[in-house]
Amino acid sequence: MRQAWAVTVRGNLVCGIERAAADALSANAATPLEVGSALAANFARNGCIDGSYLLTDRGSARTFAMLCLTFSKALVERRLGVIEQLPAGFDRYVSDEQPL
C-alpha cells in the first residue's frame, strides 16, 4: 500500500508536513510536478497558495514545503522592496492582488 504525505499551507505559510490517511489519500497523492501545478492554479485563482497538497513520499513533501516557503519569501521580499521605495510623503500604499 502506498503512503501519501500532506503539506498544509495557511496564510501562505507551511504549517504542517504529515503522513496522510492512507485509505483516503493514497490514490490521490501526486507527483511534485502535479502538486506544483495545483499550487500555481491556487495562486492564480485565489491570490494565495493555501491548501493541502498531497505527495507520494516524505522527501517530496519536504522539498515541496521548502518550495512553498521560498515562494512566500519572494512575495514578502517584493512587497518589502516596494514599501522601501515609497517616498517620504506618500499618501497611500495598496498592494496589487498578485504581485508576481
C-alpha atoms as a PDB file:
ATOM      1  CA  MET A   1       0.000   0.000   0.000  1.00  0.00           C
ATOM      2  CA  ARG A   2       1.324   3.439  -0.977  1.00  0.00           C
ATOM      3  CA  GLN A   3       1.617   6.168   1.586  1.00  0.00           C
ATOM      4  CA  ALA A   4       0.864   9.795   0.995  1.00  0.00           C
ATOM      5  CA  TRP A   5       2.196  12.883   2.709  1.00  0.00           C
ATOM      6  CA  ALA A   6       0.259  16.111   3.123  1.00  0.00           C
ATOM      7  CA  VAL A   7       1.771  19.583   3.137  1.00  0.00           C
ATOM      8  CA  THR A   8      -0.677  22.059   4.648  1.00  0.00           C
ATOM      9  CA  VAL A   9      -0.353  25.751   3.817  1.00  0.00           C
ATOM     10  CA  ARG A  10      -2.321  28.514   5.579  1.00  0.00           C
ATOM     11  CA  GLY A  11      -1.722  32.217   5.152  1.00  0.00           C
ATOM     12  CA  ASN A  12       0.901  31.348   2.511  1.00  0.00           C
ATOM     13  CA  LEU A  13       2.969  29.622   5.234  1.00  0.00           C
ATOM     14  CA  VAL A  14       3.613  25.916   5.624  1.00  0.00           C
ATOM     15  CA  CYS A  15       2.007  24.834   8.879  1.00  0.00           C
ATOM     16  CA  GLY A  16       2.229  21.059   8.552  1.00  0.00           C
ATOM     17  CA  ILE A  17       4.004  18.153   6.862  1.00  0.00           C
ATOM     18  CA  GLU A  18       2.477  14.880   7.929  1.00  0.00           C
ATOM     19  CA  ARG A  19       1.540  11.418   6.835  1.00  0.00           C
ATOM     20  CA  ALA A  20      -1.888  11.439   5.261  1.00  0.00           C
ATOM     21  CA  ALA A  21      -4.608   8.908   5.929  1.00  0.00           C
ATOM     22  CA  ALA A  22      -3.734   6.038   3.627  1.00  0.00           C
ATOM     23  CA  ASP A  23      -7.309   4.944   2.951  1.00  0.00           C
ATOM     24  CA  ALA A  24      -8.472   8.304   1.623  1.00  0.00           C
ATOM     25  CA  LEU A  25      -5.329   9.687   0.078  1.00  0.00           C
ATOM     26  CA  SER A  26      -3.019   7.038  -1.319  1.00  0.00           C
ATOM     27  CA  ALA A  27      -4.774   7.076  -4.692  1.00  0.00           C
ATOM     28  CA  ASN A  28      -4.825  10.896  -4.778  1.00  0.00           C
ATOM     29  CA  ALA A  29      -1.186  11.604  -3.940  1.00  0.00           C
ATOM     30  CA  ALA A  30       0.523  13.375  -6.796  1.00  0.00           C
ATOM     31  CA  THR A  31       3.963  13.844  -8.280  1.00  0.00           C
ATOM     32  CA  PRO A  32       5.843  17.043  -7.415  1.00  0.00           C
ATOM     33  CA  LEU A  33       5.042  18.440 -10.879  1.00  0.00           C
ATOM     34  CA  GLU A  34       1.316  17.814 -10.434  1.00  0.00           C
ATOM     35  CA  VAL A  35       1.360  19.365  -6.979  1.00  0.00           C
ATOM     36  CA  GLY A  36       3.331  22.357  -8.251  1.00  0.00           C
ATOM     37  CA  SER A  37       0.696  22.845 -10.928  1.00  0.00           C
ATOM     38  CA  ALA A  38      -2.011  22.757  -8.252  1.00  0.00           C
ATOM     39  CA  LEU A  39      -0.100  25.366  -6.243  1.00  0.00           C
ATOM     40  CA  ALA A  40       0.140  27.654  -9.284  1.00  0.00           C
ATOM     41  CA  ALA A  41      -3.564  27.178 -10.006  1.00  0.00           C
ATOM     42  CA  ASN A  42      -4.467  28.054  -6.398  1.00  0.00           C
ATOM     43  CA  PHE A  43      -2.392  31.216  -6.592  1.00  0.00           C
ATOM     44  CA  ALA A  44      -3.898  32.241  -9.934  1.00  0.00           C
ATOM     45  CA  ARG A  45      -7.429  31.570  -8.709  1.00  0.00           C
ATOM     46  CA  ASN A  46      -7.220  32.793  -5.094  1.00  0.00           C
ATOM     47  CA  GLY A  47      -4.150  35.022  -4.856  1.00  0.00           C
ATOM     48  CA  CYS A  48      -2.660  32.682  -2.245  1.00  0.00           C
ATOM     49  CA  ILE A  49      -1.169  29.198  -2.082  1.00  0.00           C
ATOM     50  CA  ASP A  50      -3.256  27.964   0.841  1.00  0.00           C
ATOM     51  CA  GLY A  51      -4.391  24.366   0.693  1.00  0.00           C
ATOM     52  CA  SER A  52      -3.487  20.800   1.486  1.00  0.00           C
ATOM     53  CA  TYR A  53      -1.147  19.287  -1.075  1.00  0.00           C
ATOM     54  CA  LEU A  54      -0.672  15.524  -1.262  1.00  0.00           C
ATOM     55  CA  LEU A  55       2.617  13.964  -2.299  1.00  0.00           C
ATOM     56  CA  THR A  56       3.760  10.388  -2.700  1.00  0.00           C
ATOM     57  CA  ASP A  57       6.699  10.402  -0.273  1.00  0.00           C
ATOM     58  CA  ARG A  58       8.267  12.197   2.660  1.00  0.00           C
ATOM     59  CA  GLY A  59      11.188  13.625   0.675  1.00  0.00           C
ATOM     60  CA  SER A  60       8.927  15.128  -1.961  1.00  0.00           C
ATOM     61  CA  ALA A  61       6.741  16.622   0.780  1.00  0.00           C
ATOM     62  CA  ARG A  62       9.762  18.236   2.418  1.00  0.00           C
ATOM     63  CA  THR A  63      11.034  19.621  -0.885  1.00  0.00           C
ATOM     64  CA  PHE A  64       7.591  20.931  -1.768  1.00  0.00           C
ATOM     65  CA  ALA A  65       7.257  22.616   1.639  1.00  0.00           C
ATOM     66  CA  MET A  66      10.571  24.377   1.041  1.00  0.00           C
ATOM     67  CA  LEU A  67       9.319  25.475  -2.402  1.00  0.00           C
ATOM     68  CA  CYS A  68       6.174  26.914  -0.810  1.00  0.00           C
ATOM     69  CA  LEU A  69       8.196  28.881   1.721  1.00  0.00           C
ATOM     70  CA  THR A  70      10.595  30.133  -0.948  1.00  0.00           C
ATOM     71  CA  PHE A  71       7.588  31.336  -2.942  1.00  0.00           C
ATOM     72  CA  SER A  72       6.182  33.131   0.123  1.00  0.00           C
ATOM     73  CA  LYS A  73       9.586  34.656   0.851  1.00  0.00           C
ATOM     74  CA  ALA A  74       9.706  36.053  -2.694  1.00  0.00           C
ATOM     75  CA  LEU A  75       6.269  37.624  -2.212  1.00  0.00           C
ATOM     76  CA  VAL A  76       7.349  39.265   1.034  1.00  0.00           C
ATOM     77  CA  GLU A  77      10.673  40.471  -0.379  1.00  0.00           C
ATOM     78  CA  ARG A  78       8.947  42.022  -3.387  1.00  0.00           C
ATOM     79  CA  ARG A  79       6.455  43.879  -1.208  1.00  0.00           C
ATOM     80  CA  LEU A  80       9.198  44.954   1.170  1.00  0.00           C
ATOM     81  CA  GLY A  81      11.139  46.398  -1.763  1.00  0.00           C
ATOM     82  CA  VAL A  82       8.110  48.354  -2.961  1.00  0.00           C
ATOM     83  CA  ILE A  83       7.454  49.763   0.511  1.00  0.00           C
ATOM     84  CA  GLU A  84      11.114  50.681   0.970  1.00  0.00           C
ATOM     85  CA  GLN A  85      10.901  52.742  -2.231  1.00  0.00           C
ATOM     86  CA  LEU A  86       7.853  54.758  -1.164  1.00  0.00           C
ATOM     87  CA  PRO A  87       8.615  58.474  -0.998  1.00  0.00           C
ATOM     88  CA  ALA A  88       8.711  60.112   2.444  1.00  0.00           C
ATOM     89  CA  GLY A  89       5.404  61.937   1.929  1.00  0.00           C
ATOM     90  CA  PHE A  90       3.420  59.107   0.361  1.00  0.00           C
ATOM     91  CA  ASP A  91      -0.361  59.185   0.824  1.00  0.00           C
ATOM     92  CA  ARG A  92      -1.238  55.528   0.493  1.00  0.00           C
ATOM     93  CA  TYR A  93       0.094  52.080  -0.313  1.00  0.00           C
ATOM     94  CA  VAL A  94      -2.178  49.292  -1.521  1.00  0.00           C
ATOM     95  CA  SER A  95      -0.690  46.094  -2.856  1.00  0.00           C
ATOM     96  CA  ASP A  96      -1.753  44.508  -6.089  1.00  0.00           C
ATOM     97  CA  GLU A  97      -3.695  41.248  -5.877  1.00  0.00           C
ATOM     98  CA  GLN A  98      -0.960  39.084  -7.362  1.00  0.00           C
ATOM     99  CA  PRO A  99       2.419  40.735  -7.022  1.00  0.00           C
ATOM    100  CA  LEU A 100       4.433  38.330  -9.147  1.00  0.00           C
END
